């Protein structure tokens, strides 16, 4: 019976490794495609200035954003566009003193001639998707730009993006995110390393090859008719942006990515906030996959579009595969002990090393070619940090596979730039860390078993590799404890 149990776990282990290897190979394909697209873009002329100025609505969804609400509204009010063709909607679902800040800022700007309105709902039904949909009912613009609370749209945003809609088939234009506080800590540094290629590689390749890609929920602009023809904003997933993106492209709309237009944003500064954000993205992507993939796969779209959509929407399964690999590593070693412990060096290590190498090269290549080499100092932390984060994000992947919708948990923003410390009030925001501390502590102790096994059998060369697992869990445990200590001091 024990033999069969270990055998099943070993099969799961190698199946998970195979899935991770496929993920790594997809990263290699993206790098190759990125190189090709960069060569094409050298001769591409940027869009000209607008030939006409259509009415535009700016939507600013807010929820308890006392630190950044005024800054966002001010930035939107300074967008370069004829005043009689621009309206600003502040979609404020706040329940704290953000309301007073919003009202005061909006009142002052209205006196200066800015067309700005504040919308509030009786309850936060549908979360961000519900707020955007309700705002649409009152919007006058033919084009709708959306900015989250932690973003700073630059004055020329509309002047640069609107010409891209000269093609009547274009339904959405997404700009690139940059990061105001990437230098604040190792955590924000790792995030900037993770997010940079999502725009610079993934979006560029998918856009350049006429594959589906997504609006990122902010720093983009929609043709209103594209939203309406796709059925509008829905709250049956927690990634309403990803869901609408796929529905709109299934309706025939073309999306454009503009790497030359940058919108500064703020990265989460605590591990709890980062974990919450990643969990929502992971859960929502799986919910969207369940919702749209059957329709997409049954459509007459080219195979390349379908294959890349599957890879895109199911990419977060990598977190679950990583967790399975961790949980089954000891069983896979123990079951093959009769063959010899060096099987670990012959099979497991090369598989995981090959996957890790492909993924690390993906980030390395982007950082070097794009001129973001300052982020490279965080590259060694990436595999360790990913191991530590896998179990908590995997839980959301499972939730996404089993349920629709869910609570939209905001990511706290504090208006930080550079290495500026957060205000003391920042730590009043709720931090869900204790359950994950307990879970990661269990994973930490468990991850020492393969090391002990290899030590007892003298498989010394495997120990440095196996040590990555407890190092990952120790890293996230220490970061959670440090954040909790700061909260108590505040």
Protein backbone atom coordinates (compact mmCIF):
# COMPACT_ATOMS: atom_id res chain seq x y z
CA UNK A 1 0.00 0.00 0.00
CA UNK A 2 2.84 2.38 0.92
CA UNK A 3 4.56 1.47 -2.34
CA UNK A 4 1.50 2.42 -4.38
CA UNK A 5 1.10 5.67 -2.46
CA UNK A 6 4.67 6.73 -3.15
CA UNK A 7 4.35 5.68 -6.77
CA UNK A 8 1.26 7.86 -7.28
CA UNK A 9 3.01 10.84 -5.69
CA UNK A 10 6.02 10.24 -7.92
CA UNK A 11 3.80 10.28 -11.01
CA UNK A 12 2.26 13.57 -9.81
CA UNK A 13 5.78 14.91 -9.23
CA UNK A 14 6.99 14.24 -12.75
CA UNK A 15 3.71 15.33 -14.30
CA UNK A 16 4.10 18.66 -12.48
CA UNK A 17 7.70 18.94 -13.63
CA UNK A 18 6.55 18.29 -17.19
CA UNK A 19 3.98 21.06 -16.92
CA UNK A 20 6.60 23.48 -15.57
CA UNK A 21 8.90 22.50 -18.43
CA UNK A 22 6.16 23.43 -20.92
CA UNK A 23 5.81 26.77 -19.15
CA UNK A 24 9.56 27.35 -19.51
CA UNK A 25 9.50 26.44 -23.19
CA UNK A 26 6.69 28.95 -23.72
CA UNK A 27 8.91 31.63 -22.16
CA UNK A 28 11.61 30.70 -24.69
CA UNK A 29 9.09 31.07 -27.52
CA UNK A 30 8.12 34.49 -26.22
CA UNK A 31 11.75 35.64 -26.17
CA UNK A 32 12.20 34.46 -29.76
CA UNK A 33 9.02 36.22 -30.83
CA UNK A 34 10.05 39.37 -28.98
CA UNK A 35 13.33 39.52 -30.89
CA UNK A 36 11.44 39.22 -34.18
CA UNK A 37 8.89 41.89 -33.22
CA UNK A 38 11.59 44.32 -32.13
CA UNK A 39 13.19 44.09 -35.58
CA UNK A 40 9.84 44.82 -37.25
CA UNK A 41 9.18 47.87 -35.04
CA UNK A 42 12.38 49.66 -36.06
CA UNK A 43 10.70 50.92 -39.23
CA UNK A 44 7.26 51.59 -37.71
CA UNK A 45 6.26 55.25 -37.61
CA UNK A 46 4.49 56.49 -34.48
CA UNK A 47 0.87 57.65 -34.85
CA UNK A 48 0.43 61.31 -35.73
CA UNK A 49 -1.35 63.89 -33.59
CA UNK A 50 -5.15 63.57 -33.50
CA UNK A 51 -6.87 64.65 -36.71
CA UNK A 52 -10.01 65.26 -34.67
CA UNK A 53 -10.90 65.41 -31.01
CA UNK A 54 -13.74 63.00 -30.11
CA UNK A 55 -15.46 63.19 -26.72
CA UNK A 56 -13.53 61.20 -24.11
CA UNK A 57 -14.60 60.02 -20.65
CA UNK A 58 -11.99 59.38 -17.96
CA UNK A 59 -13.13 56.85 -15.34
CA UNK A 60 -11.35 56.81 -11.98
CA UNK A 61 -12.60 53.89 -9.82
CA UNK A 62 -11.77 54.48 -6.14
CA UNK A 63 -12.29 52.61 -2.89
CA UNK A 64 -10.79 53.97 0.35
CA UNK A 65 -7.77 55.59 -1.33
CA UNK A 66 -7.08 58.47 1.09
CA UNK A 67 -3.39 58.67 0.19
CA UNK A 68 -3.66 58.84 -3.61
CA UNK A 69 -7.17 60.00 -4.53
CA UNK A 70 -6.35 63.70 -4.88
CA UNK A 71 -3.17 63.00 -6.84
CA UNK A 72 -5.02 60.81 -9.33
CA UNK A 73 -7.86 63.29 -9.87
CA UNK A 74 -5.40 66.15 -10.36
CA UNK A 75 -3.46 64.13 -12.94
CA UNK A 76 -6.63 63.31 -14.88
CA UNK A 77 -7.64 66.96 -14.87
CA UNK A 78 -4.33 67.94 -16.49
CA UNK A 79 -4.69 65.62 -19.49
CA UNK A 80 -4.22 67.54 -22.72
CA UNK A 81 -7.61 67.54 -24.46
CA UNK A 82 -10.22 70.18 -25.35
CA UNK A 83 -12.21 70.90 -22.18
CA UNK A 84 -15.54 70.66 -23.98
CA UNK A 85 -14.59 67.15 -25.21
CA UNK A 86 -13.38 65.74 -21.89
CA UNK A 87 -15.29 64.55 -18.84
CA UNK A 88 -13.95 62.96 -15.67
CA UNK A 89 -15.97 60.43 -13.67
CA UNK A 90 -14.79 59.71 -10.13
CA UNK A 91 -16.44 56.39 -9.31
CA UNK A 92 -16.07 56.52 -5.55
CA UNK A 93 -17.17 53.52 -3.50
CA UNK A 94 -15.23 54.69 -0.45
CA UNK A 95 -16.43 54.36 3.14
CA UNK A 96 -13.68 56.36 4.87
CA UNK A 97 -12.31 59.93 4.73
CA UNK A 98 -11.47 59.44 1.05
CA UNK A 99 -14.96 60.77 0.34
CA UNK A 100 -14.12 64.17 1.79
CA UNK A 101 -10.83 64.32 -0.10
CA UNK A 102 -12.59 63.43 -3.37
CA UNK A 103 -15.36 65.98 -2.88
CA UNK A 104 -12.97 68.79 -2.01
CA UNK A 105 -10.68 68.07 -4.98
CA UNK A 106 -13.56 67.71 -7.43
CA UNK A 107 -15.22 70.92 -6.19
CA UNK A 108 -12.03 72.93 -6.64
CA UNK A 109 -11.39 71.58 -10.13
CA UNK A 110 -15.00 72.21 -11.18
CA UNK A 111 -14.54 75.86 -10.23
CA UNK A 112 -11.53 75.90 -12.56
CA UNK A 113 -13.70 74.74 -15.45
CA UNK A 114 -12.98 71.01 -15.37
CA UNK A 115 -15.96 68.79 -16.33
CA UNK A 116 -15.84 66.43 -13.37
CA UNK A 117 -18.54 64.43 -11.58
CA UNK A 118 -18.43 62.19 -8.53
CA UNK A 119 -20.60 59.06 -8.57
CA UNK A 120 -21.42 57.08 -5.44
CA UNK A 121 -23.48 53.93 -5.10
CA UNK A 122 -25.57 52.71 -2.21
CA UNK A 123 -23.49 49.55 -1.96
CA UNK A 124 -20.39 48.16 -3.61
CA UNK A 125 -22.27 45.76 -5.86
CA UNK A 126 -20.06 44.15 -8.50
CA UNK A 127 -17.00 45.91 -7.03
CA UNK A 128 -14.88 47.63 -9.69
CA UNK A 129 -16.80 46.05 -12.58
CA UNK A 130 -20.08 47.31 -11.13
CA UNK A 131 -18.71 50.83 -10.69
CA UNK A 132 -17.37 50.97 -14.26
CA UNK A 133 -20.62 49.65 -15.71
CA UNK A 134 -22.72 52.15 -13.79
CA UNK A 135 -20.41 54.97 -14.85
CA UNK A 136 -20.87 53.89 -18.48
CA UNK A 137 -24.60 54.60 -18.19
CA UNK A 138 -23.79 58.27 -17.54
CA UNK A 139 -20.74 58.63 -19.79
CA UNK A 140 -20.79 60.97 -22.78
CA UNK A 141 -17.48 59.87 -24.33
CA UNK A 142 -17.04 57.73 -27.42
CA UNK A 143 -13.76 56.63 -25.85
CA UNK A 144 -13.26 55.66 -22.21
CA UNK A 145 -9.89 55.78 -20.47
CA UNK A 146 -9.50 54.07 -17.08
CA UNK A 147 -6.90 54.74 -14.38
CA UNK A 148 -6.63 53.01 -11.01
CA UNK A 149 -5.87 55.01 -7.88
CA UNK A 150 -2.12 54.32 -7.86
CA UNK A 151 -1.49 55.51 -11.43
CA UNK A 152 -0.31 58.89 -12.70
CA UNK A 153 -1.45 59.47 -16.29
CA UNK A 154 0.86 61.87 -18.08
CA UNK A 155 -0.59 64.98 -19.79
CA UNK A 156 -0.05 63.64 -23.33
CA UNK A 157 -1.75 60.28 -22.78
CA UNK A 158 -4.87 61.02 -24.84
CA UNK A 159 -3.01 62.90 -27.56
CA UNK A 160 -0.79 59.83 -28.06
CA UNK A 161 -3.41 57.08 -27.81
CA UNK A 162 -6.45 58.45 -29.69
CA UNK A 163 -4.71 58.37 -33.13
CA UNK A 164 -4.36 54.59 -32.73
CA UNK A 165 -8.15 54.36 -33.14
CA UNK A 166 -7.99 55.64 -36.72
CA UNK A 167 -8.49 51.99 -37.63
CA UNK A 168 -12.22 51.41 -36.91
CA UNK A 169 -11.48 47.81 -35.88
CA UNK A 170 -9.31 48.88 -32.92
CA UNK A 171 -11.28 48.49 -29.69
CA UNK A 172 -8.66 49.07 -27.00
CA UNK A 173 -5.18 50.56 -26.61
CA UNK A 174 -3.05 49.52 -23.64
CA UNK A 175 -0.08 51.57 -22.42
CA UNK A 176 2.98 50.30 -20.55
CA UNK A 177 3.24 50.46 -16.78
CA UNK A 178 6.30 51.94 -15.10
CA UNK A 179 6.95 51.93 -11.37
CA UNK A 180 7.45 54.89 -9.06
CA UNK A 181 8.78 52.91 -6.10
CA UNK A 182 10.71 50.04 -7.68
CA UNK A 183 13.74 50.98 -5.57
CA UNK A 184 11.90 50.90 -2.24
CA UNK A 185 12.85 47.33 -1.26
CA UNK A 186 13.78 43.91 -2.59
CA UNK A 187 10.04 43.13 -2.77
CA UNK A 188 9.24 46.06 -5.07
CA UNK A 189 12.40 45.30 -7.04
CA UNK A 190 11.27 41.72 -7.67
CA UNK A 191 7.82 42.97 -8.69
CA UNK A 192 9.27 45.39 -11.24
CA UNK A 193 11.34 42.51 -12.62
CA UNK A 194 8.22 40.34 -12.89
CA UNK A 195 5.93 42.94 -14.45
CA UNK A 196 8.31 44.55 -16.95
CA UNK A 197 8.38 41.60 -19.39
CA UNK A 198 4.61 41.13 -19.10
CA UNK A 199 4.28 44.37 -21.03
CA UNK A 200 7.57 44.56 -22.92
CA UNK A 201 7.56 40.95 -24.14
CA UNK A 202 4.15 39.32 -23.77
CA UNK A 203 2.01 42.24 -24.93
CA UNK A 204 4.37 43.13 -27.77
CA UNK A 205 4.53 39.58 -29.09
CA UNK A 206 0.80 38.95 -28.82
CA UNK A 207 -0.10 42.29 -30.33
CA UNK A 208 2.47 42.01 -33.13
CA UNK A 209 1.31 38.51 -34.10
CA UNK A 210 -2.44 39.26 -33.92
CA UNK A 211 -2.91 37.03 -30.90
CA UNK A 212 -5.28 37.79 -28.03
CA UNK A 213 -3.94 39.85 -25.15
CA UNK A 214 -5.59 41.78 -22.34
CA UNK A 215 -6.41 45.21 -21.05
CA UNK A 216 -4.67 45.43 -17.68
CA UNK A 217 -7.50 47.17 -15.84
CA UNK A 218 -5.82 50.58 -15.96
CA UNK A 219 -3.59 52.80 -18.11
CA UNK A 220 -5.60 51.97 -21.22
CA UNK A 221 -8.39 53.41 -23.32
CA UNK A 222 -11.42 51.69 -24.86
CA UNK A 223 -13.68 52.46 -27.76
CA UNK A 224 -17.05 52.60 -26.04
CA UNK A 225 -18.77 50.50 -28.70
CA UNK A 226 -16.25 47.70 -28.10
CA UNK A 227 -17.28 47.48 -24.45
CA UNK A 228 -20.97 47.57 -25.31
CA UNK A 229 -20.82 45.02 -28.12
CA UNK A 230 -18.99 42.56 -25.84
CA UNK A 231 -21.72 42.79 -23.21
CA UNK A 232 -20.18 45.35 -20.85
CA UNK A 233 -18.38 44.89 -17.55
CA UNK A 234 -19.21 41.70 -15.62
CA UNK A 235 -18.43 40.74 -12.03
CA UNK A 236 -18.61 36.95 -12.38
CA UNK A 237 -14.79 36.88 -12.32
CA UNK A 238 -12.46 38.90 -10.08
CA UNK A 239 -10.47 39.98 -13.15
CA UNK A 240 -13.16 41.90 -15.01
CA UNK A 241 -10.51 43.43 -17.28
CA UNK A 242 -9.23 40.07 -18.54
CA UNK A 243 -12.77 38.75 -19.01
CA UNK A 244 -13.95 41.75 -21.04
CA UNK A 245 -10.73 41.71 -23.09
CA UNK A 246 -11.36 38.19 -24.34
CA UNK A 247 -15.07 38.75 -24.94
CA UNK A 248 -14.33 41.88 -26.98
CA UNK A 249 -11.68 40.14 -29.10
CA UNK A 250 -14.05 37.23 -29.67
CA UNK A 251 -16.45 39.85 -31.10
CA UNK A 252 -13.77 40.79 -33.64
CA UNK A 253 -12.20 43.85 -32.02
CA UNK A 254 -8.47 44.40 -32.42
CA UNK A 255 -6.29 45.44 -29.47
CA UNK A 256 -3.12 47.52 -29.68
CA UNK A 257 -0.23 47.75 -27.25
CA UNK A 258 1.79 50.98 -27.12
CA UNK A 259 5.15 50.34 -25.49
CA UNK A 260 6.16 53.94 -26.18
CA UNK A 261 3.49 55.33 -23.83
CA UNK A 262 4.39 54.88 -20.17
CA UNK A 263 2.10 55.45 -17.19
CA UNK A 264 3.81 55.52 -13.77
CA UNK A 265 2.27 53.40 -11.01
CA UNK A 266 2.93 52.25 -7.45
CA UNK A 267 3.90 48.71 -6.44
CA UNK A 268 2.61 47.04 -3.23
CA UNK A 269 5.06 47.52 -0.36
CA UNK A 270 4.00 44.71 1.98
CA UNK A 271 4.04 41.00 1.28
CA UNK A 272 0.39 40.72 2.35
CA UNK A 273 -0.65 43.34 -0.22
CA UNK A 274 1.41 41.71 -2.97
CA UNK A 275 0.04 38.27 -2.10
CA UNK A 276 -3.55 39.56 -2.18
CA UNK A 277 -2.98 41.13 -5.61
CA UNK A 278 -1.40 37.99 -7.04
CA UNK A 279 -4.14 35.80 -5.59
CA UNK A 280 -6.82 37.91 -7.26
CA UNK A 281 -5.01 37.81 -10.61
CA UNK A 282 -4.49 34.04 -10.35
CA UNK A 283 -8.06 33.29 -9.30
CA UNK A 284 -9.52 35.59 -11.94
CA UNK A 285 -7.44 34.19 -14.79
CA UNK A 286 -8.66 30.66 -14.06
CA UNK A 287 -12.26 31.89 -13.75
CA UNK A 288 -11.89 33.65 -17.10
CA UNK A 289 -10.41 30.52 -18.64
CA UNK A 290 -13.41 28.49 -17.49
CA UNK A 291 -15.75 31.12 -18.85
CA UNK A 292 -14.29 31.96 -22.28
CA UNK A 293 -12.06 29.07 -23.38
CA UNK A 294 -14.92 26.75 -24.44
CA UNK A 295 -16.33 29.48 -26.68
CA UNK A 296 -12.90 30.44 -27.98
CA UNK A 297 -11.84 26.87 -28.77
CA UNK A 298 -15.12 26.25 -30.61
CA UNK A 299 -14.68 29.39 -32.73
CA UNK A 300 -13.18 29.45 -36.26
CA UNK A 301 -10.15 31.44 -35.02
CA UNK A 302 -6.66 30.32 -36.16
CA UNK A 303 -4.92 27.60 -34.16
CA UNK A 304 -2.17 30.03 -33.14
CA UNK A 305 -4.72 32.31 -31.45
CA UNK A 306 -6.32 29.40 -29.61
CA UNK A 307 -3.02 27.88 -28.49
CA UNK A 308 -1.68 31.17 -27.15
CA UNK A 309 -4.98 31.94 -25.40
CA UNK A 310 -4.76 28.60 -23.58
CA UNK A 311 -1.15 29.31 -22.58
CA UNK A 312 -2.05 32.83 -21.45
CA UNK A 313 -5.18 32.07 -19.43
CA UNK A 314 -3.77 28.92 -17.80
CA UNK A 315 -0.31 30.32 -17.02
CA UNK A 316 -1.16 30.65 -13.33
CA UNK A 317 -1.44 26.87 -13.12
CA UNK A 318 2.34 27.12 -12.84
CA UNK A 319 1.91 28.13 -9.20
CA UNK A 320 -0.12 24.98 -8.54
CA UNK A 321 2.40 22.80 -10.39
CA UNK A 322 5.19 24.33 -8.34
CA UNK A 323 3.36 23.50 -5.13
CA UNK A 324 2.75 19.91 -6.27
CA UNK A 325 6.45 19.60 -7.08
CA UNK A 326 7.36 20.75 -3.57
CA UNK A 327 4.86 18.46 -1.87
CA UNK A 328 5.86 15.36 -3.85
CA UNK A 329 9.64 15.87 -3.98
CA UNK A 330 10.35 13.78 -0.88
CA UNK A 331 8.05 10.97 -2.03
CA UNK A 332 9.68 10.93 -5.48
CA UNK A 333 13.14 10.60 -3.94
CA UNK A 334 12.08 7.99 -1.38
CA UNK A 335 10.27 5.79 -3.92
CA UNK A 336 13.37 5.60 -6.10
CA UNK A 337 15.80 4.93 -3.29
CA UNK A 338 16.26 1.37 -4.52
CA UNK A 339 17.47 2.68 -7.87
CA UNK A 340 19.86 5.05 -6.14
CA UNK A 341 19.70 8.56 -4.73
CA UNK A 342 21.67 9.94 -7.68
CA UNK A 343 18.50 9.55 -9.74
CA UNK A 344 17.70 12.96 -8.26
CA UNK A 345 20.76 14.39 -10.00
CA UNK A 346 20.02 12.61 -13.26
CA UNK A 347 16.33 13.49 -13.64
CA UNK A 348 14.78 15.90 -11.13
CA UNK A 349 17.56 18.47 -11.01
CA UNK A 350 18.01 18.73 -14.82
CA UNK A 351 14.23 19.08 -15.32
CA UNK A 352 13.82 21.80 -12.73
CA UNK A 353 17.08 23.48 -13.68
CA UNK A 354 16.04 23.53 -17.33
CA UNK A 355 12.72 25.11 -16.43
CA UNK A 356 14.32 27.61 -14.05
CA UNK A 357 17.04 28.47 -16.57
CA UNK A 358 14.48 29.18 -19.32
CA UNK A 359 12.44 31.41 -17.02
CA UNK A 360 15.49 33.26 -15.67
CA UNK A 361 16.79 33.82 -19.20
CA UNK A 362 13.41 35.32 -20.06
CA UNK A 363 13.83 37.99 -17.39
CA UNK A 364 17.57 38.36 -18.00
CA UNK A 365 17.15 38.97 -21.73
CA UNK A 366 14.43 41.55 -21.18
CA UNK A 367 16.40 43.42 -18.52
CA UNK A 368 19.52 43.64 -20.68
CA UNK A 369 17.91 44.53 -24.02
CA UNK A 370 15.32 46.94 -22.61
CA UNK A 371 17.87 48.86 -20.57
CA UNK A 372 16.41 47.74 -17.22
CA UNK A 373 19.64 46.16 -16.05
CA UNK A 374 19.23 47.66 -12.55
CA UNK A 375 16.55 45.03 -11.90
CA UNK A 376 19.02 42.22 -12.54
CA UNK A 377 20.30 42.32 -8.97
CA UNK A 378 16.96 40.82 -7.94
CA UNK A 379 17.15 37.95 -10.44
CA UNK A 380 18.73 35.42 -7.99
CA UNK A 381 15.82 36.00 -5.60
CA UNK A 382 13.21 35.15 -8.22
CA UNK A 383 13.23 31.30 -8.06
CA UNK A 384 13.50 31.34 -4.26
CA UNK A 385 10.68 33.86 -3.88
CA UNK A 386 8.49 31.95 -6.35
CA UNK A 387 8.87 28.77 -4.32
CA UNK A 388 7.81 30.58 -1.15
CA UNK A 389 4.78 32.21 -2.77
CA UNK A 390 3.50 29.13 -4.61
CA UNK A 391 1.31 27.55 -1.89
CA UNK A 392 -0.65 30.72 -1.08
CA UNK A 393 -1.29 31.59 -4.73
CA UNK A 394 -2.13 27.97 -5.51
CA UNK A 395 -5.07 28.19 -3.11
CA UNK A 396 -6.52 30.97 -5.28
CA UNK A 397 -5.96 28.94 -8.43
CA UNK A 398 -8.05 26.16 -6.89
CA UNK A 399 -10.75 28.67 -5.83
CA UNK A 400 -10.83 30.02 -9.37
CA UNK A 401 -11.37 26.53 -10.72
CA UNK A 402 -14.26 25.85 -8.34
CA UNK A 403 -16.14 29.15 -8.05
CA UNK A 404 -17.26 32.28 -9.90
CA UNK A 405 -16.76 35.86 -8.77
CA UNK A 406 -15.74 36.57 -5.21
CA UNK A 407 -14.69 39.46 -3.01
CA UNK A 408 -12.57 42.09 -4.76
CA UNK A 409 -9.90 42.92 -2.18
CA UNK A 410 -8.18 46.25 -2.81
CA UNK A 411 -4.41 46.59 -2.87
CA UNK A 412 -3.36 49.44 -0.51
CA UNK A 413 -1.62 52.41 -2.17
CA UNK A 414 0.20 55.21 -0.39
CA UNK A 415 1.49 57.63 -3.01
CA UNK A 416 5.09 56.50 -2.64
CA UNK A 417 8.01 57.29 -4.91
CA UNK A 418 11.59 56.03 -4.92
CA UNK A 419 12.58 54.64 -1.51
CA UNK A 420 10.15 56.91 0.35
CA UNK A 421 8.82 55.18 3.52
CA UNK A 422 5.06 54.71 3.89
CA UNK A 423 3.05 56.95 6.22
CA UNK A 424 2.22 55.53 9.64
CA UNK A 425 -1.48 55.40 8.76
CA UNK A 426 -0.59 52.99 5.98
CA UNK A 427 -0.41 50.21 8.52
CA UNK A 428 -3.99 50.67 9.59
CA UNK A 429 -5.00 48.69 6.53
CA UNK A 430 -5.88 45.10 7.22
CA UNK A 431 -3.05 42.64 6.63
CA UNK A 432 -3.86 38.95 6.21
CA UNK A 433 -0.60 37.31 7.18
CA UNK A 434 -1.07 34.95 10.14
CA UNK A 435 -2.79 32.06 8.24
CA UNK A 436 -0.05 32.18 5.60
CA UNK A 437 2.66 32.30 8.26
CA UNK A 438 1.27 29.07 9.70
CA UNK A 439 1.01 27.40 6.29
CA UNK A 440 4.49 28.45 5.17
CA UNK A 441 5.99 27.29 8.47
CA UNK A 442 4.61 23.80 7.81
CA UNK A 443 6.03 23.89 4.29
CA UNK A 444 9.37 25.06 5.70
CA UNK A 445 9.70 22.07 8.03
CA UNK A 446 8.50 19.66 5.34
CA UNK A 447 11.02 21.02 2.82
CA UNK A 448 13.91 19.92 5.06
CA UNK A 449 12.98 16.24 4.62
CA UNK A 450 14.52 15.84 1.13
CA UNK A 451 17.68 17.56 2.38
CA UNK A 452 17.90 15.19 5.33
CA UNK A 453 17.30 12.22 3.03
CA UNK A 454 20.10 13.27 0.67
CA UNK A 455 22.43 14.02 3.59
CA UNK A 456 21.93 10.53 5.05
CA UNK A 457 22.73 8.94 1.69
CA UNK A 458 25.65 11.18 0.84
CA UNK A 459 24.08 12.80 -2.22
CA UNK A 460 25.95 16.01 -1.53
CA UNK A 461 25.52 17.60 -4.96
CA UNK A 462 21.75 17.60 -4.59
CA UNK A 463 21.72 19.52 -1.31
CA UNK A 464 22.36 23.04 -2.70
CA UNK A 465 19.46 22.60 -5.12
CA UNK A 466 17.14 21.17 -2.45
CA UNK A 467 18.05 24.07 -0.14
CA UNK A 468 16.20 26.47 -2.44
CA UNK A 469 12.89 25.17 -1.08
CA UNK A 470 13.37 25.99 2.63
CA UNK A 471 15.10 29.22 1.59
CA UNK A 472 11.96 30.28 -0.28
CA UNK A 473 9.64 29.62 2.63
CA UNK A 474 12.04 31.27 5.07
CA UNK A 475 12.18 34.38 2.87
CA UNK A 476 8.40 34.92 2.83
CA UNK A 477 8.07 34.08 6.54
CA UNK A 478 10.68 36.67 7.49
CA UNK A 479 9.09 39.31 5.23
CA UNK A 480 5.65 38.72 6.74
CA UNK A 481 7.12 38.95 10.26
CA UNK A 482 8.97 42.17 9.40
CA UNK A 483 5.78 43.74 8.01
CA UNK A 484 3.82 42.69 11.08
CA UNK A 485 6.47 44.23 13.33
CA UNK A 486 6.16 47.53 11.47
CA UNK A 487 2.39 47.43 11.92
CA UNK A 488 2.74 46.92 15.67
CA UNK A 489 5.22 49.79 15.95
CA UNK A 490 2.84 52.03 14.01
